[in-house]
Amino acid sequence: MLRTNCGTIRIRLDVKSSPKTTASFAGLARNGFFDGLTFHRIAKPGGNDYVIQGGDPLGTGNGGPGYTVVEDPPGDTRYRRYVVGMAKAENERQGTSGSQFFIVTTAEAPLPADYALLGRVVGGKEVVRRIAKLATDPATEMPIDPVVMSSVRVVSSRRR
């Protein structure tokens, strides 16, 4: 559960497809790593929705937790609206991730299947849409008004 100054977003982690990636994210969340960080990037090329990105302790797109996880995404991966993936540096191998994640805000982002999957937004879709529509600095894609994650928590949901 991501609590932001724009509202709460609930993500269902895809533990089956990405056990290492989800375990790393959950561990960071449990240790308060994301608390106080921002969504530092709202990409909307040509004014069209694309992705929102957060989880960087530097707030620049260059930070991480000090380690990486490598886990290839499933071969049939498609980055559709509300899919949550893990961002990677341009020169990193497929499936490499740290702490930065993105939420797809377009119908389907034309991304190569290079990004580890984290899960899917299952609640707070209106919050994702609200963040995606915020004004940004065109040079940096950073929101003019910061979107702060006040807390990120792992909430267990057991299916019966």
N, C-alpha and C. Protein backbone atom coordinates (compact mmCIF):
# COMPACT_ATOMS: atom_id res chain seq x y z
N MET A 1 0.85 -1.17 0.00
CA MET A 1 0.00 0.00 0.00
C MET A 1 0.90 1.24 0.00
N LEU A 2 0.74 2.08 -1.01
CA LEU A 2 1.50 3.32 -1.11
C LEU A 2 0.61 4.48 -0.72
N ARG A 3 0.93 5.13 0.37
CA ARG A 3 0.19 6.33 0.77
C ARG A 3 0.97 7.54 0.26
N THR A 4 0.30 8.37 -0.53
CA THR A 4 0.93 9.56 -1.08
C THR A 4 0.11 10.78 -0.71
N ASN A 5 0.66 11.95 -0.97
CA ASN A 5 -0.09 13.18 -0.74
C ASN A 5 -1.19 13.37 -1.79
N CYS A 6 -1.28 12.46 -2.76
CA CYS A 6 -2.37 12.50 -3.75
C CYS A 6 -3.41 11.42 -3.49
N GLY A 7 -3.16 10.54 -2.52
CA GLY A 7 -4.07 9.44 -2.22
C GLY A 7 -3.31 8.14 -2.07
N THR A 8 -4.06 7.05 -1.89
CA THR A 8 -3.47 5.74 -1.64
C THR A 8 -3.59 4.84 -2.87
N ILE A 9 -2.50 4.14 -3.16
CA ILE A 9 -2.44 3.19 -4.28
C ILE A 9 -2.18 1.81 -3.69
N ARG A 10 -2.98 0.83 -4.10
CA ARG A 10 -2.78 -0.56 -3.66
C ARG A 10 -2.24 -1.37 -4.83
N ILE A 11 -1.15 -2.08 -4.58
CA ILE A 11 -0.51 -2.90 -5.60
C ILE A 11 -0.54 -4.35 -5.15
N ARG A 12 -0.97 -5.23 -6.02
CA ARG A 12 -0.87 -6.67 -5.74
C ARG A 12 0.46 -7.13 -6.33
N LEU A 13 1.35 -7.60 -5.47
CA LEU A 13 2.66 -8.07 -5.91
C LEU A 13 2.51 -9.40 -6.65
N ASP A 14 3.26 -9.55 -7.74
CA ASP A 14 3.22 -10.78 -8.54
C ASP A 14 4.33 -11.72 -8.08
N VAL A 15 4.10 -12.33 -6.92
CA VAL A 15 5.11 -13.19 -6.30
C VAL A 15 5.40 -14.41 -7.16
N LYS A 16 4.39 -14.93 -7.84
CA LYS A 16 4.58 -16.13 -8.65
C LYS A 16 5.53 -15.88 -9.82
N SER A 17 5.35 -14.78 -10.53
CA SER A 17 6.19 -14.48 -11.69
C SER A 17 7.54 -13.87 -11.31
N SER A 18 7.60 -13.19 -10.18
CA SER A 18 8.80 -12.43 -9.82
C SER A 18 9.13 -12.57 -8.33
N PRO A 19 9.48 -13.76 -7.87
CA PRO A 19 9.71 -13.95 -6.44
C PRO A 19 10.87 -13.12 -5.87
N LYS A 20 11.97 -13.02 -6.59
CA LYS A 20 13.11 -12.24 -6.07
C LYS A 20 12.82 -10.74 -6.08
N THR A 21 12.21 -10.28 -7.15
CA THR A 21 11.89 -8.86 -7.28
C THR A 21 10.90 -8.42 -6.21
N THR A 22 9.84 -9.20 -6.02
CA THR A 22 8.84 -8.83 -5.03
C THR A 22 9.39 -8.94 -3.61
N ALA A 23 10.25 -9.93 -3.35
CA ALA A 23 10.85 -10.06 -2.02
C ALA A 23 11.74 -8.87 -1.71
N SER A 24 12.49 -8.40 -2.70
CA SER A 24 13.35 -7.23 -2.49
C SER A 24 12.51 -5.99 -2.20
N PHE A 25 11.47 -5.76 -3.01
CA PHE A 25 10.59 -4.61 -2.81
C PHE A 25 9.93 -4.66 -1.44
N ALA A 26 9.42 -5.84 -1.07
CA ALA A 26 8.75 -5.99 0.22
C ALA A 26 9.72 -5.73 1.37
N GLY A 27 10.95 -6.21 1.25
CA GLY A 27 11.95 -5.96 2.28
C GLY A 27 12.27 -4.49 2.43
N LEU A 28 12.42 -3.80 1.30
CA LEU A 28 12.66 -2.36 1.36
C LEU A 28 11.49 -1.64 2.02
N ALA A 29 10.26 -2.04 1.65
CA ALA A 29 9.07 -1.40 2.23
C ALA A 29 9.01 -1.66 3.74
N ARG A 30 9.26 -2.88 4.15
CA ARG A 30 9.21 -3.22 5.58
C ARG A 30 10.23 -2.42 6.40
N ASN A 31 11.34 -2.08 5.76
CA ASN A 31 12.39 -1.32 6.45
C ASN A 31 12.22 0.20 6.30
N GLY A 32 11.11 0.64 5.71
CA GLY A 32 10.83 2.07 5.59
C GLY A 32 11.63 2.79 4.52
N PHE A 33 12.26 2.04 3.62
CA PHE A 33 13.11 2.63 2.59
C PHE A 33 12.37 3.68 1.75
N PHE A 34 11.13 3.39 1.37
CA PHE A 34 10.38 4.27 0.47
C PHE A 34 9.72 5.45 1.17
N ASP A 35 9.60 5.40 2.48
CA ASP A 35 8.89 6.44 3.22
C ASP A 35 9.57 7.79 3.02
N GLY A 36 8.82 8.75 2.50
CA GLY A 36 9.34 10.08 2.26
C GLY A 36 9.92 10.28 0.87
N LEU A 37 10.03 9.19 0.08
CA LEU A 37 10.52 9.34 -1.29
C LEU A 37 9.40 9.86 -2.18
N THR A 38 9.74 10.20 -3.41
CA THR A 38 8.77 10.81 -4.31
C THR A 38 8.57 10.00 -5.59
N PHE A 39 7.50 10.33 -6.28
CA PHE A 39 7.38 9.97 -7.69
C PHE A 39 8.12 11.09 -8.41
N HIS A 40 9.33 10.79 -8.84
CA HIS A 40 10.22 11.83 -9.38
C HIS A 40 10.07 12.02 -10.89
N ARG A 41 9.31 11.15 -11.54
CA ARG A 41 9.18 11.24 -13.00
C ARG A 41 7.74 10.94 -13.40
N ILE A 42 7.20 11.83 -14.21
CA ILE A 42 5.89 11.62 -14.83
C ILE A 42 6.11 11.79 -16.32
N ALA A 43 6.27 10.66 -17.00
CA ALA A 43 6.57 10.69 -18.43
C ALA A 43 5.28 10.75 -19.23
N LYS A 44 5.18 11.75 -20.07
CA LYS A 44 4.02 11.89 -20.94
C LYS A 44 4.49 12.48 -22.27
N PRO A 45 5.15 11.66 -23.08
CA PRO A 45 5.66 12.15 -24.36
C PRO A 45 4.53 12.66 -25.25
N GLY A 46 4.74 13.83 -25.81
CA GLY A 46 3.72 14.43 -26.65
C GLY A 46 2.44 14.76 -25.91
N GLY A 47 2.51 14.83 -24.58
CA GLY A 47 1.34 15.13 -23.77
C GLY A 47 0.48 13.92 -23.46
N ASN A 48 0.92 12.75 -23.92
CA ASN A 48 0.15 11.52 -23.71
C ASN A 48 0.66 10.77 -22.48
N ASP A 49 -0.27 10.15 -21.75
CA ASP A 49 0.12 9.34 -20.59
C ASP A 49 1.10 8.26 -21.01
N TYR A 50 2.03 7.92 -20.12
CA TYR A 50 3.00 6.86 -20.39
C TYR A 50 3.31 6.09 -19.11
N VAL A 51 4.13 6.68 -18.22
CA VAL A 51 4.43 6.04 -16.93
C VAL A 51 4.66 7.11 -15.86
N ILE A 52 4.45 6.70 -14.60
CA ILE A 52 4.90 7.49 -13.46
C ILE A 52 5.96 6.63 -12.77
N GLN A 53 6.99 7.27 -12.25
CA GLN A 53 8.11 6.52 -11.69
C GLN A 53 8.53 7.07 -10.34
N GLY A 54 8.83 6.17 -9.41
CA GLY A 54 9.27 6.57 -8.08
C GLY A 54 10.23 5.56 -7.49
N GLY A 55 10.59 5.77 -6.23
CA GLY A 55 11.44 4.83 -5.52
C GLY A 55 12.92 5.15 -5.53
N ASP A 56 13.28 6.36 -5.97
CA ASP A 56 14.69 6.76 -6.02
C ASP A 56 15.02 7.62 -4.81
N PRO A 57 15.95 7.17 -3.94
CA PRO A 57 16.27 7.97 -2.76
C PRO A 57 16.93 9.31 -3.09
N LEU A 58 17.49 9.44 -4.30
CA LEU A 58 18.09 10.71 -4.70
C LEU A 58 17.06 11.64 -5.35
N GLY A 59 15.97 11.07 -5.84
CA GLY A 59 14.93 11.86 -6.50
C GLY A 59 15.32 12.35 -7.88
N THR A 60 16.36 11.75 -8.46
CA THR A 60 16.87 12.19 -9.76
C THR A 60 16.75 11.14 -10.85
N GLY A 61 16.44 9.91 -10.47
CA GLY A 61 16.43 8.81 -11.42
C GLY A 61 17.74 8.04 -11.41
N ASN A 62 18.67 8.43 -10.56
CA ASN A 62 19.99 7.80 -10.52
C ASN A 62 20.27 7.03 -9.24
N GLY A 63 19.33 6.98 -8.31
CA GLY A 63 19.59 6.36 -7.01
C GLY A 63 18.99 4.97 -6.89
N GLY A 64 19.39 4.30 -5.83
CA GLY A 64 18.87 2.97 -5.56
C GLY A 64 19.22 2.54 -4.15
N PRO A 65 18.98 1.27 -3.84
CA PRO A 65 19.20 0.79 -2.48
C PRO A 65 20.64 0.37 -2.19
N GLY A 66 21.51 0.40 -3.20
CA GLY A 66 22.89 -0.04 -3.00
C GLY A 66 23.13 -1.46 -3.46
N TYR A 67 22.13 -2.09 -4.04
CA TYR A 67 22.27 -3.44 -4.60
C TYR A 67 21.28 -3.58 -5.75
N THR A 68 21.45 -4.61 -6.55
CA THR A 68 20.49 -4.88 -7.62
C THR A 68 20.04 -6.34 -7.53
N VAL A 69 18.89 -6.57 -8.09
CA VAL A 69 18.30 -7.90 -8.21
C VAL A 69 18.17 -8.16 -9.70
N VAL A 70 18.47 -9.37 -10.13
CA VAL A 70 18.30 -9.72 -11.53
C VAL A 70 17.28 -10.86 -11.62
N GLU A 71 16.20 -10.57 -12.32
CA GLU A 71 15.14 -11.57 -12.51
C GLU A 71 14.43 -11.25 -13.82
N ASP A 72 14.62 -12.09 -14.80
CA ASP A 72 14.01 -11.85 -16.10
C ASP A 72 12.49 -11.87 -15.99
N PRO A 73 11.85 -10.92 -16.68
CA PRO A 73 10.39 -10.93 -16.71
C PRO A 73 9.90 -12.12 -17.54
N PRO A 74 8.67 -12.56 -17.32
CA PRO A 74 8.12 -13.63 -18.15
C PRO A 74 8.19 -13.25 -19.62
N GLY A 75 8.39 -14.23 -20.48
CA GLY A 75 8.55 -13.98 -21.91
C GLY A 75 7.37 -13.29 -22.56
N ASP A 76 6.18 -13.46 -22.01
CA ASP A 76 4.98 -12.86 -22.60
C ASP A 76 4.62 -11.51 -21.97
N THR A 77 5.59 -10.88 -21.31
CA THR A 77 5.33 -9.63 -20.60
C THR A 77 4.88 -8.53 -21.54
N ARG A 78 3.78 -7.88 -21.15
CA ARG A 78 3.30 -6.69 -21.85
C ARG A 78 3.00 -5.66 -20.78
N TYR A 79 3.43 -4.46 -21.02
CA TYR A 79 3.30 -3.40 -20.03
C TYR A 79 2.03 -2.60 -20.31
N ARG A 80 0.93 -3.12 -19.81
CA ARG A 80 -0.38 -2.49 -20.00
C ARG A 80 -0.69 -1.57 -18.83
N ARG A 81 -1.73 -0.76 -19.01
CA ARG A 81 -2.14 0.20 -17.98
C ARG A 81 -2.24 -0.48 -16.62
N TYR A 82 -1.65 0.17 -15.62
CA TYR A 82 -1.64 -0.24 -14.21
C TYR A 82 -0.70 -1.41 -13.90
N VAL A 83 0.07 -1.87 -14.88
CA VAL A 83 1.14 -2.82 -14.58
C VAL A 83 2.24 -2.05 -13.87
N VAL A 84 2.85 -2.68 -12.86
CA VAL A 84 3.94 -2.06 -12.13
C VAL A 84 5.21 -2.84 -12.45
N GLY A 85 6.19 -2.13 -12.99
CA GLY A 85 7.47 -2.74 -13.34
C GLY A 85 8.59 -2.07 -12.59
N MET A 86 9.75 -2.69 -12.64
CA MET A 86 10.92 -2.14 -11.98
C MET A 86 11.80 -1.46 -13.02
N ALA A 87 12.13 -0.20 -12.75
CA ALA A 87 12.98 0.55 -13.66
C ALA A 87 14.41 0.02 -13.58
N LYS A 88 15.15 0.18 -14.66
CA LYS A 88 16.55 -0.22 -14.67
C LYS A 88 17.36 0.83 -15.41
N ALA A 89 18.65 0.87 -15.13
CA ALA A 89 19.52 1.79 -15.86
C ALA A 89 19.61 1.32 -17.31
N GLU A 90 19.81 2.27 -18.20
CA GLU A 90 19.83 1.98 -19.62
C GLU A 90 20.84 0.89 -19.99
N ASN A 91 21.98 0.89 -19.32
CA ASN A 91 23.04 -0.06 -19.68
C ASN A 91 23.00 -1.36 -18.88
N GLU A 92 22.00 -1.53 -18.04
CA GLU A 92 21.88 -2.76 -17.24
C GLU A 92 21.22 -3.86 -18.07
N ARG A 93 21.51 -5.09 -17.71
CA ARG A 93 20.93 -6.22 -18.43
C ARG A 93 19.44 -6.35 -18.11
N GLN A 94 18.75 -7.07 -18.96
CA GLN A 94 17.31 -7.31 -18.80
C GLN A 94 17.00 -7.85 -17.41
N GLY A 95 15.94 -7.34 -16.81
CA GLY A 95 15.47 -7.84 -15.53
C GLY A 95 16.20 -7.31 -14.31
N THR A 96 17.15 -6.39 -14.50
CA THR A 96 17.90 -5.82 -13.37
C THR A 96 17.06 -4.74 -12.71
N SER A 97 17.02 -4.75 -11.38
CA SER A 97 16.26 -3.72 -10.68
C SER A 97 16.89 -3.42 -9.33
N GLY A 98 16.51 -2.27 -8.79
CA GLY A 98 16.94 -1.85 -7.46
C GLY A 98 15.71 -1.48 -6.66
N SER A 99 15.45 -0.18 -6.57
CA SER A 99 14.27 0.28 -5.82
C SER A 99 13.30 1.08 -6.67
N GLN A 100 13.74 1.53 -7.83
CA GLN A 100 12.86 2.37 -8.65
C GLN A 100 11.84 1.52 -9.39
N PHE A 101 10.61 1.99 -9.38
CA PHE A 101 9.53 1.28 -10.04
C PHE A 101 8.71 2.25 -10.86
N PHE A 102 7.96 1.72 -11.81
CA PHE A 102 7.08 2.55 -12.62
C PHE A 102 5.71 1.91 -12.70
N ILE A 103 4.72 2.76 -12.89
CA ILE A 103 3.34 2.32 -13.11
C ILE A 103 2.95 2.82 -14.50
N VAL A 104 2.51 1.90 -15.35
CA VAL A 104 2.11 2.25 -16.70
C VAL A 104 0.78 3.00 -16.65
N THR A 105 0.72 4.14 -17.35
CA THR A 105 -0.49 4.97 -17.34
C THR A 105 -1.14 5.08 -18.71
N THR A 106 -0.57 4.42 -19.70
CA THR A 106 -1.14 4.40 -21.04
C THR A 106 -1.75 3.01 -21.28
N ALA A 107 -2.55 2.87 -22.34
CA ALA A 107 -3.20 1.58 -22.60
C ALA A 107 -2.18 0.45 -22.67
N GLU A 108 -1.11 0.67 -23.40
CA GLU A 108 -0.01 -0.31 -23.45
C GLU A 108 1.26 0.43 -23.83
N ALA A 109 2.24 0.40 -22.96
CA ALA A 109 3.51 1.08 -23.22
C ALA A 109 4.36 0.22 -24.15
N PRO A 110 4.86 0.81 -25.24
CA PRO A 110 5.68 0.04 -26.19
C PRO A 110 7.11 -0.15 -25.67
N LEU A 111 7.22 -0.89 -24.57
CA LEU A 111 8.51 -1.15 -23.96
C LEU A 111 8.96 -2.57 -24.29
N PRO A 112 10.27 -2.77 -24.46
CA PRO A 112 10.75 -4.14 -24.62
C PRO A 112 10.57 -4.90 -23.30
N ALA A 113 10.48 -6.20 -23.36
CA ALA A 113 10.28 -7.00 -22.14
C ALA A 113 11.60 -7.10 -21.37
N ASP A 114 12.13 -5.94 -20.98
CA ASP A 114 13.41 -5.85 -20.28
C ASP A 114 13.26 -5.54 -18.80
N TYR A 115 12.06 -5.22 -18.37
CA TYR A 115 11.85 -4.70 -17.03
C TYR A 115 11.17 -5.74 -16.15
N ALA A 116 11.78 -6.02 -15.01
CA ALA A 116 11.21 -6.99 -14.07
C ALA A 116 9.81 -6.54 -13.66
N LEU A 117 8.93 -7.50 -13.49
CA LEU A 117 7.57 -7.19 -13.07
C LEU A 117 7.49 -7.15 -11.55
N LEU A 118 6.74 -6.19 -11.06
CA LEU A 118 6.49 -6.11 -9.62
C LEU A 118 5.05 -6.55 -9.32
N GLY A 119 4.11 -6.10 -10.12
CA GLY A 119 2.71 -6.45 -9.87
C GLY A 119 1.77 -5.60 -10.68
N ARG A 120 0.63 -5.30 -10.05
CA ARG A 120 -0.43 -4.56 -10.74
C ARG A 120 -1.19 -3.72 -9.72
N VAL A 121 -1.60 -2.53 -10.15
CA VAL A 121 -2.42 -1.67 -9.30
C VAL A 121 -3.81 -2.28 -9.22
N VAL A 122 -4.29 -2.49 -7.99
CA VAL A 122 -5.62 -3.07 -7.78
C VAL A 122 -6.54 -2.12 -7.03
N GLY A 123 -6.02 -1.01 -6.58
CA GLY A 123 -6.82 0.00 -5.90
C GLY A 123 -6.14 1.35 -6.01
N GLY A 124 -6.93 2.39 -6.08
CA GLY A 124 -6.36 3.73 -6.20
C GLY A 124 -5.99 4.09 -7.63
N LYS A 125 -6.67 3.48 -8.59
CA LYS A 125 -6.37 3.80 -9.99
C LYS A 125 -6.63 5.27 -10.29
N GLU A 126 -7.62 5.85 -9.61
CA GLU A 126 -7.89 7.28 -9.79
C GLU A 126 -6.71 8.11 -9.28
N VAL A 127 -6.00 7.62 -8.28
CA VAL A 127 -4.82 8.32 -7.76
C VAL A 127 -3.71 8.28 -8.80
N VAL A 128 -3.51 7.12 -9.41
CA VAL A 128 -2.51 6.99 -10.48
C VAL A 128 -2.84 7.96 -11.61
N ARG A 129 -4.11 8.02 -12.00
CA ARG A 129 -4.52 8.93 -13.08
C ARG A 129 -4.28 10.39 -12.68
N ARG A 130 -4.57 10.72 -11.42
CA ARG A 130 -4.36 12.08 -10.92
C ARG A 130 -2.88 12.45 -10.99
N ILE A 131 -2.01 11.56 -10.53
CA ILE A 131 -0.57 11.82 -10.58
C ILE A 131 -0.10 11.99 -12.02
N ALA A 132 -0.59 11.14 -12.92
CA ALA A 132 -0.18 11.19 -14.32
C ALA A 132 -0.54 12.51 -14.98
N LYS A 133 -1.56 13.18 -14.48
CA LYS A 133 -2.02 14.45 -15.08
C LYS A 133 -1.34 15.68 -14.49
N LEU A 134 -0.50 15.51 -13.48
CA LEU A 134 0.14 16.67 -12.85
C LEU A 134 1.08 17.38 -13.81
N ALA A 135 1.24 18.67 -13.59
CA ALA A 135 2.16 19.47 -14.40
C ALA A 135 3.60 19.06 -14.09
N THR A 136 4.42 19.02 -15.14
CA THR A 136 5.82 18.64 -14.98
C THR A 136 6.74 19.66 -15.63
N ASP A 137 8.00 19.61 -15.25
CA ASP A 137 9.05 20.36 -15.93
C ASP A 137 9.37 19.57 -17.19
N PRO A 138 9.15 20.13 -18.37
CA PRO A 138 9.35 19.38 -19.61
C PRO A 138 10.79 18.88 -19.79
N ALA A 139 11.75 19.57 -19.23
CA ALA A 139 13.15 19.17 -19.39
C ALA A 139 13.51 17.96 -18.55
N THR A 140 12.86 17.79 -17.39
CA THR A 140 13.24 16.71 -16.47
C THR A 140 12.15 15.67 -16.25
N GLU A 141 10.93 15.96 -16.65
CA GLU A 141 9.75 15.14 -16.41
C GLU A 141 9.40 15.04 -14.93
N MET A 142 10.00 15.90 -14.10
CA MET A 142 9.70 15.92 -12.67
C MET A 142 8.44 16.74 -12.42
N PRO A 143 7.58 16.29 -11.51
CA PRO A 143 6.38 17.06 -11.22
C PRO A 143 6.74 18.41 -10.58
N ILE A 144 5.99 19.44 -10.95
CA ILE A 144 6.20 20.77 -10.38
C ILE A 144 5.93 20.72 -8.87
N ASP A 145 4.82 20.10 -8.49
CA ASP A 145 4.50 19.90 -7.07
C ASP A 145 4.85 18.46 -6.71
N PRO A 146 5.74 18.25 -5.74
CA PRO A 146 6.20 16.90 -5.41
C PRO A 146 5.06 15.95 -5.01
N VAL A 147 5.19 14.71 -5.47
CA VAL A 147 4.29 13.64 -5.08
C VAL A 147 5.08 12.76 -4.12
N VAL A 148 4.76 12.88 -2.83
CA VAL A 148 5.53 12.22 -1.78
C VAL A 148 4.82 10.95 -1.31
N MET A 149 5.60 9.87 -1.21
CA MET A 149 5.10 8.63 -0.61
C MET A 149 5.35 8.73 0.89
N SER A 150 4.31 9.02 1.64
CA SER A 150 4.49 9.15 3.09
C SER A 150 4.78 7.81 3.73
N SER A 151 4.19 6.74 3.19
CA SER A 151 4.51 5.40 3.69
C SER A 151 4.20 4.36 2.61
N VAL A 152 5.02 3.34 2.59
CA VAL A 152 4.80 2.19 1.71
C VAL A 152 4.84 0.96 2.60
N ARG A 153 3.76 0.22 2.63
CA ARG A 153 3.64 -0.93 3.52
C ARG A 153 3.21 -2.17 2.74
N VAL A 154 3.65 -3.31 3.21
CA VAL A 154 3.22 -4.59 2.66
C VAL A 154 2.07 -5.08 3.53
N VAL A 155 0.94 -5.30 2.89
CA VAL A 155 -0.25 -5.79 3.59
C VAL A 155 -0.54 -7.17 3.04
N SER A 156 -0.53 -8.14 3.90
CA SER A 156 -0.79 -9.52 3.48
C SER A 156 -2.26 -9.69 3.18
N SER A 157 -2.54 -10.34 2.07
CA SER A 157 -3.93 -10.68 1.76
C SER A 157 -3.97 -12.17 1.47
N ARG A 158 -4.56 -12.88 2.34
CA ARG A 158 -4.62 -14.34 2.19
C ARG A 158 -5.94 -14.72 1.54
N ARG A 159 -5.81 -15.47 0.48
CA ARG A 159 -7.03 -15.95 -0.18
C ARG A 159 -7.50 -17.22 0.50
N ARG A 160 -8.78 -17.30 0.66
CA ARG A 160 -9.33 -18.48 1.34
C ARG A 160 -10.04 -19.37 0.37
